[in-house]
Amino acid sequence: MIVPEEDITLTLTPDNVSNTALVSETGRRLYTVSTEHGKATTTSVRNTRDEVIASLEWRNVFPDKVTIGSKEPILMTEWMKRSIIPFKDDLTFTDGEGRKYKWKGNSAGRSFELCCADDNYLSIIARFQRSRRVTSPSSLTAEPNASTPSLAPTPVNPTWTPAVLVLTPRAQQIQDTVVVSFLFLEKTRRINETEHQTRADVLGTAVLKPVGKSAMVVVNGGV
């Protein structure tokens, strides 16, 4: 078994966790994610051999159902168990060797980070970096008729950083599980975040966000 020595970065192309390709730094497509809307809405994740390694059945009232490989479908809440103490937004799971993991960041305005029980969940072994707008000084413009420089220049053709999932060598030991669990959890998190924003819009109130965090703009739930 070859033990990886470096982090790998998978870019979501596009930034839509239900219909996307996860591409390596060399440009190789490692995973393909597609969603079909029939009698039931189902998201499938395929590997480089076009094998379905996991699928997710969306459900409105009850928890989603997940199928890993050829195993029987189970509730998402049975696979990814929500913590109660100390942080209710954490989600835990166990790999095939009985090792425990914890996804942190399952709430509006946050990004997922994966830790493992090897060091009591202190180190981050995988993390999602959201797509963010990058505005350089040269891309700012003031109002043409303004007598004084604007304190809030208007961005012109802003660029965006790509959305990426970064896996350390430790996370690469269970790479398929990390990728699949992230995709399915992020789908639900984005939907919940969008619904939260919609309710706030209806009520005419602003959505609270952590200090230092920028709001995420999601189109159609980003899913």
Protein backbone atom coordinates (compact mmCIF):
# COMPACT_ATOMS: atom_id res chain seq x y z
CA MET A 1 0.00 0.00 0.00
CA ILE A 2 1.39 3.37 -1.04
CA VAL A 3 1.15 5.91 1.77
CA PRO A 4 0.45 9.44 0.44
CA GLU A 5 2.86 12.11 1.59
CA GLU A 6 1.22 15.33 0.42
CA ASP A 7 -2.16 17.00 0.59
CA ILE A 8 -4.36 16.78 -2.47
CA THR A 9 -6.78 19.47 -3.61
CA LEU A 10 -10.01 18.59 -5.39
CA THR A 11 -11.72 21.44 -7.21
CA LEU A 12 -15.50 21.44 -7.60
CA THR A 13 -16.27 22.25 -11.23
CA PRO A 14 -18.78 23.87 -11.01
CA ASP A 15 -19.41 24.78 -7.37
CA ASN A 16 -22.57 22.67 -7.18
CA VAL A 17 -22.26 19.66 -4.91
CA SER A 18 -25.12 17.78 -6.59
CA ASN A 19 -23.95 18.21 -10.19
CA THR A 20 -20.21 18.62 -10.46
CA ALA A 21 -16.84 17.07 -11.14
CA LEU A 22 -14.08 16.89 -8.55
CA VAL A 23 -10.85 17.54 -10.41
CA SER A 24 -7.30 17.03 -9.17
CA GLU A 25 -4.50 19.57 -9.42
CA THR A 26 -3.29 17.78 -12.56
CA GLY A 27 -6.67 18.21 -14.21
CA ARG A 28 -7.80 14.61 -13.77
CA ARG A 29 -11.48 14.06 -13.02
CA LEU A 30 -11.55 11.84 -9.93
CA TYR A 31 -15.26 11.97 -9.12
CA THR A 32 -18.39 12.82 -11.07
CA VAL A 33 -21.57 13.84 -9.27
CA SER A 34 -24.96 13.87 -10.99
CA THR A 35 -28.54 14.26 -9.81
CA GLU A 36 -31.62 12.85 -11.49
CA HIS A 37 -35.13 14.07 -10.73
CA GLY A 38 -37.64 11.27 -11.28
CA LYS A 39 -40.10 9.63 -8.94
CA ALA A 40 -37.39 10.31 -6.41
CA THR A 41 -34.48 12.73 -6.60
CA THR A 42 -31.21 10.81 -6.43
CA THR A 43 -27.62 12.04 -6.41
CA SER A 44 -24.95 9.58 -7.55
CA VAL A 45 -21.18 9.76 -7.11
CA ARG A 46 -19.00 7.93 -9.65
CA ASN A 47 -15.28 7.23 -9.59
CA THR A 48 -12.76 7.25 -12.44
CA ARG A 49 -14.01 3.83 -13.60
CA ASP A 50 -17.56 5.22 -13.83
CA GLU A 51 -18.63 3.02 -10.93
CA VAL A 52 -21.30 4.39 -8.60
CA ILE A 53 -19.58 4.39 -5.23
CA ALA A 54 -22.48 6.05 -3.39
CA SER A 55 -25.93 7.51 -3.94
CA LEU A 56 -28.27 9.71 -1.97
CA GLU A 57 -32.07 9.69 -2.14
CA TRP A 58 -33.46 13.11 -1.26
CA ARG A 59 -36.45 13.15 1.07
CA ASN A 60 -38.45 16.14 2.28
CA VAL A 61 -39.98 14.95 5.54
CA PHE A 62 -37.72 12.13 6.63
CA PRO A 63 -33.91 12.01 6.58
CA ASP A 64 -32.22 11.32 3.24
CA LYS A 65 -31.24 7.73 2.46
CA VAL A 66 -27.66 6.91 1.53
CA THR A 67 -26.35 3.83 -0.26
CA ILE A 68 -22.63 3.07 -0.09
CA GLY A 69 -21.46 0.75 -2.84
CA SER A 70 -23.52 -2.45 -2.83
CA LYS A 71 -24.64 -2.09 0.78
CA GLU A 72 -28.25 -1.70 1.82
CA PRO A 73 -29.60 1.87 2.00
CA ILE A 74 -29.56 3.48 5.43
CA LEU A 75 -30.73 6.80 6.79
CA MET A 76 -28.18 9.58 6.49
CA THR A 77 -28.67 10.19 10.22
CA GLU A 78 -27.59 6.61 10.93
CA TRP A 79 -24.39 7.02 8.93
CA MET A 80 -23.54 10.54 10.08
CA LYS A 81 -24.58 10.85 13.71
CA ARG A 82 -25.21 14.29 15.16
CA SER A 83 -23.33 15.14 18.34
CA ILE A 84 -25.23 16.46 21.33
CA ILE A 85 -22.34 17.36 23.61
CA PRO A 86 -20.43 19.63 23.36
CA PHE A 87 -21.37 20.90 19.86
CA LYS A 88 -24.68 19.85 18.32
CA ASP A 89 -23.52 20.84 14.82
CA ASP A 90 -20.77 18.20 14.77
CA LEU A 91 -21.39 14.95 12.89
CA THR A 92 -19.52 11.74 13.65
CA PHE A 93 -18.95 8.49 11.76
CA THR A 94 -16.77 5.38 11.90
CA ASP A 95 -14.72 3.85 9.08
CA GLY A 96 -14.44 0.17 8.22
CA GLU A 97 -11.61 -0.29 10.71
CA GLY A 98 -13.56 1.21 13.58
CA ARG A 99 -11.71 4.54 13.58
CA LYS A 100 -13.83 7.54 14.50
CA TYR A 101 -14.16 10.86 12.68
CA LYS A 102 -15.98 14.12 13.19
CA TRP A 103 -17.20 16.68 10.64
CA LYS A 104 -17.31 20.18 12.10
CA GLY A 105 -18.93 23.27 10.58
CA ASN A 106 -22.42 21.98 9.85
CA SER A 107 -24.20 25.32 10.19
CA ALA A 108 -24.98 28.46 8.20
CA GLY A 109 -21.97 30.58 7.28
CA ARG A 110 -19.41 27.91 8.18
CA SER A 111 -17.33 25.46 6.16
CA PHE A 112 -16.84 21.77 6.83
CA GLU A 113 -13.67 20.53 8.51
CA LEU A 114 -12.93 16.88 9.23
CA CYS A 115 -11.06 15.70 12.33
CA CYS A 116 -10.29 12.22 13.61
CA ALA A 117 -10.04 10.57 17.00
CA ASP A 118 -6.33 9.82 16.49
CA ASP A 119 -5.45 13.01 18.38
CA ASN A 120 -8.81 13.58 20.09
CA TYR A 121 -10.14 15.58 17.10
CA LEU A 122 -7.56 18.35 17.42
CA SER A 123 -6.08 18.28 13.90
CA ILE A 124 -7.98 19.01 10.70
CA ILE A 125 -7.42 16.23 8.14
CA ALA A 126 -9.78 17.56 5.45
CA ARG A 127 -11.35 20.94 4.88
CA PHE A 128 -13.65 22.65 2.42
CA GLN A 129 -12.70 26.09 1.16
CA ARG A 130 -15.64 28.02 -0.24
CA SER A 131 -15.57 29.95 -3.47
CA ARG A 132 -15.01 33.62 -2.64
CA ARG A 133 -15.00 36.81 -4.61
CA VAL A 134 -11.61 38.41 -5.08
CA THR A 135 -11.56 42.14 -5.76
CA SER A 136 -8.28 43.75 -6.69
CA PRO A 137 -7.72 47.54 -6.57
CA SER A 138 -7.61 47.68 -10.37
CA SER A 139 -11.10 46.19 -10.58
CA LEU A 140 -12.72 48.98 -8.57
CA THR A 141 -14.36 52.02 -10.05
CA ALA A 142 -15.96 55.13 -8.59
CA GLU A 143 -19.25 56.60 -9.71
CA PRO A 144 -18.52 58.68 -12.85
CA ASN A 145 -20.40 61.76 -11.59
CA ALA A 146 -19.24 61.58 -8.02
CA SER A 147 -17.55 64.76 -6.76
CA THR A 148 -15.57 62.82 -4.16
CA PRO A 149 -14.09 59.33 -4.25
CA SER A 150 -16.58 56.67 -3.22
CA LEU A 151 -15.99 54.93 0.08
CA ALA A 152 -17.54 51.80 -1.44
CA PRO A 153 -16.22 51.45 -5.01
CA THR A 154 -18.14 49.23 -7.38
CA PRO A 155 -16.32 46.01 -8.37
CA VAL A 156 -15.88 45.54 -12.10
CA ASN A 157 -15.69 41.96 -13.38
CA PRO A 158 -14.70 40.46 -10.01
CA THR A 159 -13.04 37.06 -10.00
CA TRP A 160 -13.82 34.12 -7.76
CA THR A 161 -11.59 31.60 -6.07
CA PRO A 162 -12.59 28.01 -6.84
CA ALA A 163 -14.39 25.86 -4.30
CA VAL A 164 -11.98 23.14 -3.20
CA LEU A 165 -11.83 20.16 -0.87
CA VAL A 166 -8.35 19.64 0.59
CA LEU A 167 -7.39 16.21 1.92
CA THR A 168 -4.30 15.48 4.01
CA PRO A 169 -2.54 12.10 3.73
CA ARG A 170 -4.58 10.90 6.73
CA ALA A 171 -7.86 11.76 5.00
CA GLN A 172 -6.67 10.08 1.81
CA GLN A 173 -6.68 6.76 3.68
CA ILE A 174 -10.50 6.90 3.46
CA GLN A 175 -10.73 9.23 0.48
CA ASP A 176 -13.98 7.93 -1.02
CA THR A 177 -15.74 8.14 2.32
CA VAL A 178 -14.47 11.67 2.94
CA VAL A 179 -15.56 12.89 -0.49
CA VAL A 180 -18.98 11.24 -0.40
CA SER A 181 -19.82 12.29 3.14
CA PHE A 182 -18.76 15.87 2.42
CA LEU A 183 -20.85 16.09 -0.76
CA PHE A 184 -23.99 14.74 0.88
CA LEU A 185 -23.64 16.80 4.05
CA GLU A 186 -22.83 19.99 2.14
CA LYS A 187 -25.94 19.47 -0.02
CA THR A 188 -28.16 19.55 3.04
CA ARG A 189 -26.23 22.40 4.66
CA ARG A 190 -26.61 24.58 1.56
CA ILE A 191 -30.33 23.88 1.31
CA ASN A 192 -30.81 24.75 4.98
CA GLU A 193 -28.73 27.90 4.59
CA THR A 194 -30.77 29.00 1.58
CA GLU A 195 -34.05 28.37 3.40
CA HIS A 196 -32.74 30.34 6.38
CA GLN A 197 -31.84 33.26 4.10
CA THR A 198 -35.24 33.09 2.37
CA ARG A 199 -37.08 33.26 5.69
CA ALA A 200 -34.95 36.24 6.70
CA ASP A 201 -35.74 37.97 3.41
CA VAL A 202 -39.46 37.46 3.94
CA LEU A 203 -39.23 38.85 7.45
CA GLY A 204 -37.05 41.74 6.29
CA THR A 205 -34.25 40.81 8.67
CA ALA A 206 -30.57 40.17 8.09
CA VAL A 207 -29.06 36.76 8.57
CA LEU A 208 -26.54 36.76 11.39
CA LYS A 209 -23.10 35.48 10.48
CA PRO A 210 -19.94 34.80 12.46
CA VAL A 211 -17.60 37.72 12.96
CA GLY A 212 -15.07 37.92 10.15
CA LYS A 213 -17.08 35.63 7.85
CA SER A 214 -18.51 36.87 4.59
CA ALA A 215 -22.00 35.86 3.52
CA MET A 216 -22.23 33.13 0.92
CA VAL A 217 -24.41 33.77 -2.10
CA VAL A 218 -26.08 30.55 -3.19
CA VAL A 219 -27.91 30.12 -6.48
CA ASN A 220 -30.73 27.56 -6.29
CA GLY A 221 -29.26 26.22 -3.10
CA GLY A 222 -25.91 25.55 -4.71
CA VAL A 223 -27.15 22.04 -5.28
